[in-house]
């Protein structure tokens, strides 16, 4: 796969994942669970999005 295709596909996938996880976290925190009940999921969501962004950088951006 060419560098540009890999970059675009990786960025698109990572962006969709982070948007979905962020929306899910916001929905849980503003709903029945409240901020305190949704805080553990919010921390996990931030960690997962951070790992996804690092994996995108490691696989698609960094030249090996």
N, C-alpha and C. Protein backbone atom coordinates (compact mmCIF):
# COMPACT_ATOMS: atom_id res chain seq x y z
N UNK A 1 0.85 -1.17 0.00
CA UNK A 1 0.00 0.00 0.00
C UNK A 1 0.90 1.23 0.00
N UNK A 2 0.52 2.23 -0.77
CA UNK A 2 1.35 3.43 -0.85
C UNK A 2 1.25 4.25 0.45
N UNK A 3 2.23 5.10 0.64
CA UNK A 3 2.29 5.90 1.86
C UNK A 3 1.07 6.80 2.01
N UNK A 4 0.63 7.44 0.92
CA UNK A 4 -0.50 8.37 1.00
C UNK A 4 -1.81 7.64 1.30
N UNK A 5 -2.02 6.48 0.69
CA UNK A 5 -3.24 5.71 0.96
C UNK A 5 -3.26 5.24 2.41
N UNK A 6 -2.12 4.78 2.88
CA UNK A 6 -2.02 4.33 4.27
C UNK A 6 -2.28 5.48 5.23
N UNK A 7 -1.76 6.66 4.91
CA UNK A 7 -1.95 7.83 5.76
C UNK A 7 -3.41 8.26 5.82
N UNK A 8 -4.07 8.32 4.66
CA UNK A 8 -5.48 8.74 4.61
C UNK A 8 -6.39 7.72 5.29
N UNK A 9 -6.18 6.43 5.01
CA UNK A 9 -7.01 5.39 5.62
C UNK A 9 -6.81 5.34 7.13
N UNK A 10 -5.57 5.45 7.58
CA UNK A 10 -5.29 5.42 9.01
C UNK A 10 -5.87 6.62 9.73
N UNK A 11 -5.73 7.80 9.12
CA UNK A 11 -6.28 9.01 9.74
C UNK A 11 -7.80 8.96 9.81
N UNK A 12 -8.43 8.49 8.75
CA UNK A 12 -9.89 8.38 8.73
C UNK A 12 -10.38 7.40 9.80
N UNK A 13 -9.77 6.24 9.86
CA UNK A 13 -10.18 5.24 10.85
C UNK A 13 -9.95 5.69 12.27
N UNK A 14 -8.81 6.30 12.52
CA UNK A 14 -8.50 6.78 13.87
C UNK A 14 -9.45 7.91 14.27
N UNK A 15 -9.75 8.80 13.34
CA UNK A 15 -10.67 9.90 13.63
C UNK A 15 -12.07 9.38 13.94
N UNK A 16 -12.56 8.42 13.13
CA UNK A 16 -13.89 7.85 13.39
C UNK A 16 -13.94 7.14 14.74
N UNK A 17 -12.88 6.40 15.07
CA UNK A 17 -12.84 5.71 16.36
C UNK A 17 -12.87 6.70 17.51
N UNK A 18 -12.05 7.74 17.45
CA UNK A 18 -12.00 8.72 18.54
C UNK A 18 -13.30 9.51 18.65
N UNK A 19 -13.92 9.83 17.53
CA UNK A 19 -15.20 10.54 17.57
C UNK A 19 -16.27 9.66 18.19
N UNK A 20 -16.31 8.38 17.81
CA UNK A 20 -17.30 7.45 18.37
C UNK A 20 -17.09 7.27 19.86
N UNK A 21 -15.86 7.00 20.28
CA UNK A 21 -15.58 6.79 21.70
C UNK A 21 -15.85 8.06 22.50
N UNK A 22 -15.49 9.23 21.95
CA UNK A 22 -15.76 10.49 22.64
C UNK A 22 -17.24 10.77 22.80
N UNK A 23 -18.02 10.50 21.75
CA UNK A 23 -19.47 10.68 21.83
C UNK A 23 -20.10 9.72 22.81
N UNK A 24 -19.62 8.49 22.83
CA UNK A 24 -20.14 7.51 23.79
C UNK A 24 -19.83 7.94 25.22
N UNK A 25 -18.63 8.44 25.44
CA UNK A 25 -18.25 8.91 26.77
C UNK A 25 -19.08 10.12 27.19
N UNK A 26 -19.30 11.04 26.27
CA UNK A 26 -20.12 12.22 26.58
C UNK A 26 -21.55 11.81 26.88
N UNK A 27 -22.07 10.85 26.13
CA UNK A 27 -23.43 10.38 26.34
C UNK A 27 -23.60 9.72 27.70
N UNK A 28 -22.64 8.91 28.09
CA UNK A 28 -22.71 8.25 29.39
C UNK A 28 -22.58 9.26 30.52
N UNK A 29 -21.69 10.23 30.38
CA UNK A 29 -21.46 11.21 31.44
C UNK A 29 -22.62 12.19 31.60
N UNK A 30 -23.32 12.50 30.52
CA UNK A 30 -24.42 13.45 30.64
C UNK A 30 -25.76 12.76 30.87
N UNK A 31 -25.79 11.47 30.83
CA UNK A 31 -27.03 10.74 31.03
C UNK A 31 -27.26 10.36 32.47
N UNK A 32 -27.80 9.17 32.67
CA UNK A 32 -28.19 8.70 33.99
C UNK A 32 -27.01 8.56 34.94
N UNK A 33 -25.85 8.17 34.43
CA UNK A 33 -24.70 7.92 35.30
C UNK A 33 -24.15 9.20 35.90
N UNK A 34 -24.30 10.31 35.22
CA UNK A 34 -23.75 11.56 35.72
C UNK A 34 -22.24 11.61 35.53
N UNK A 35 -21.67 12.74 35.91
CA UNK A 35 -20.23 12.91 35.69
C UNK A 35 -19.41 11.94 36.52
N UNK A 36 -19.79 11.74 37.77
CA UNK A 36 -19.02 10.87 38.66
C UNK A 36 -19.13 9.42 38.21
N UNK A 37 -20.31 8.99 37.77
CA UNK A 37 -20.49 7.62 37.31
C UNK A 37 -19.82 7.38 35.96
N UNK A 38 -19.74 8.41 35.14
CA UNK A 38 -19.13 8.27 33.83
C UNK A 38 -17.64 8.53 33.80
N UNK A 39 -17.08 8.98 34.91
CA UNK A 39 -15.65 9.32 34.96
C UNK A 39 -14.73 8.12 34.67
N UNK A 40 -15.01 6.92 35.22
CA UNK A 40 -14.12 5.80 34.89
C UNK A 40 -14.12 5.47 33.39
N UNK A 41 -15.29 5.50 32.78
CA UNK A 41 -15.34 5.24 31.34
C UNK A 41 -14.64 6.35 30.57
N UNK A 42 -14.77 7.59 31.04
CA UNK A 42 -14.12 8.71 30.36
C UNK A 42 -12.60 8.55 30.40
N UNK A 43 -12.06 8.12 31.53
CA UNK A 43 -10.62 7.90 31.63
C UNK A 43 -10.17 6.77 30.72
N UNK A 44 -10.94 5.69 30.66
CA UNK A 44 -10.62 4.58 29.77
C UNK A 44 -10.70 5.03 28.32
N UNK A 45 -11.70 5.84 27.97
CA UNK A 45 -11.86 6.33 26.60
C UNK A 45 -10.68 7.22 26.20
N UNK A 46 -10.22 8.06 27.09
CA UNK A 46 -9.06 8.91 26.80
C UNK A 46 -7.82 8.05 26.58
N UNK A 47 -7.64 7.03 27.40
CA UNK A 47 -6.50 6.13 27.27
C UNK A 47 -6.56 5.37 25.94
N UNK A 48 -7.73 4.86 25.58
CA UNK A 48 -7.89 4.11 24.33
C UNK A 48 -7.64 5.01 23.12
N UNK A 49 -8.17 6.23 23.14
CA UNK A 49 -7.94 7.16 22.03
C UNK A 49 -6.46 7.53 21.94
N UNK A 50 -5.80 7.69 23.06
CA UNK A 50 -4.37 7.96 23.04
C UNK A 50 -3.58 6.81 22.43
N UNK A 51 -3.96 5.58 22.77
CA UNK A 51 -3.28 4.42 22.19
C UNK A 51 -3.55 4.31 20.70
N UNK A 52 -4.77 4.64 20.27
CA UNK A 52 -5.10 4.58 18.85
C UNK A 52 -4.32 5.62 18.06
N UNK A 53 -4.17 6.82 18.62
CA UNK A 53 -3.40 7.87 17.94
C UNK A 53 -1.92 7.48 17.88
N UNK A 54 -1.40 6.89 18.96
CA UNK A 54 -0.01 6.45 18.93
C UNK A 54 0.20 5.35 17.89
N UNK A 55 -0.74 4.40 17.81
CA UNK A 55 -0.62 3.34 16.82
C UNK A 55 -0.69 3.89 15.40
N UNK A 56 -1.56 4.89 15.17
CA UNK A 56 -1.62 5.53 13.86
C UNK A 56 -0.28 6.18 13.53
N UNK A 57 0.29 6.89 14.49
CA UNK A 57 1.59 7.54 14.25
C UNK A 57 2.67 6.50 13.99
N UNK A 58 2.66 5.41 14.78
CA UNK A 58 3.70 4.39 14.65
C UNK A 58 3.58 3.64 13.33
N UNK A 59 2.38 3.35 12.87
CA UNK A 59 2.20 2.56 11.66
C UNK A 59 2.20 3.39 10.39
N UNK A 60 1.65 4.59 10.44
CA UNK A 60 1.41 5.34 9.20
C UNK A 60 2.34 6.54 9.01
N UNK A 61 2.70 7.22 10.05
CA UNK A 61 3.44 8.48 9.91
C UNK A 61 4.94 8.27 10.01
N UNK A 62 5.36 7.54 11.01
CA UNK A 62 6.80 7.36 11.26
C UNK A 62 7.43 6.52 10.16
N UNK A 63 8.53 6.98 9.66
CA UNK A 63 9.27 6.25 8.63
C UNK A 63 10.23 5.29 9.33
N UNK A 64 10.13 4.04 8.97
CA UNK A 64 10.96 3.02 9.63
C UNK A 64 12.22 2.78 8.88
